[in-house]
């Protein structure tokens, strides 16, 4: 299997990284693996999509650090590949990291969509991802699982929501990730509400969200694959994200830590409610962030944490994901384009 992974910047991927973990696992399983950044694509006069990509020789890489180090080294395999010749192209870049570079936010989607014409399986589906370019996508899911919120660039709207929710709300960017510019506004913060809102407005629209008291203990990240909770050997791919002391953000890159968790019937109910929409939009691998009976986030671009889950479950879920990709390549060989890309994403 020939597989390509798209990340934001090939030589500056923060570790640990679920994408690097998937690439490492695929390499260990004997597949031809290429990595490229959003600025590395080329659409040539041969009407093919190419990319300046990197790979490594199959070797005994002990962990992500050694693998990624080899990938970034001067003696790594560097080649202008034909993306159309790949079996799988995984779009794993996070558009929120490129909020200041509008061209970069859509590049992988645009070139991935073009590569579809020659039979490449592109995951997650580019058209589905284009709908989810910001957190407004979340509002297309049933109200039963959503936290109450308002989305605006007018501070008076934020103030009105703050007053209506007992002076306890979360403010965050509509286009954001990783816990950047996320504020917990409490009754004592009333005088600073304008300043917090202005900080978020610099990146565009703001989300004001009702605060869930259970969020103090963190949230549960559950991975879905092919539209259903990801499992291996009867174990669910999930972990609890616990915030750092005196911080409401549970994002791992913002100081949170990972811990073992139980996947309850309530969590599985939420996964079942959101499943139809994710399948409809061709979302192969998704991360759900859940607090109580509510869904806080749906990460469809680059859900992270796969490397955490095996610490608690003694299962390599990355291998399970790569095995699912192997099946999709076989399906494509049997049926060609009798299944479109959206269907192939969740088969």
Foldseek 3Di string as FASTA:
>chain_A
DEEEEEEAQLLDDDPPAPRLVLQLLCLQVPYHYWYAYLPFWDCDPVRFIKGFIWDAHRDDQPDSVSRSVLRNDPPTDTDTGTPLPGQEYEQQYQLLVVLVPVCSLLSCLVNVVSSVVSQHQYAQHSVLVVCPSWQVNVVVFDPQFAFDKDKFLDLVVLVVVCVVQQNWKWKAARRHDQPPLIDTTHPVCPVCSVVSSVVRCVSPMMMIGRDDVQLQQFWKKFKDFLLAFQDDPRDGQMWGQHADPPDSDSRVSVPTDTHHDDCDPLNRVVSVRCRVVCLVSRQGMWIWTDGDNHTDDIGRRHDDDQVPRCVPVVDNSSNVSVVLSVVLSVVCVVCPVPDRSSNSSND
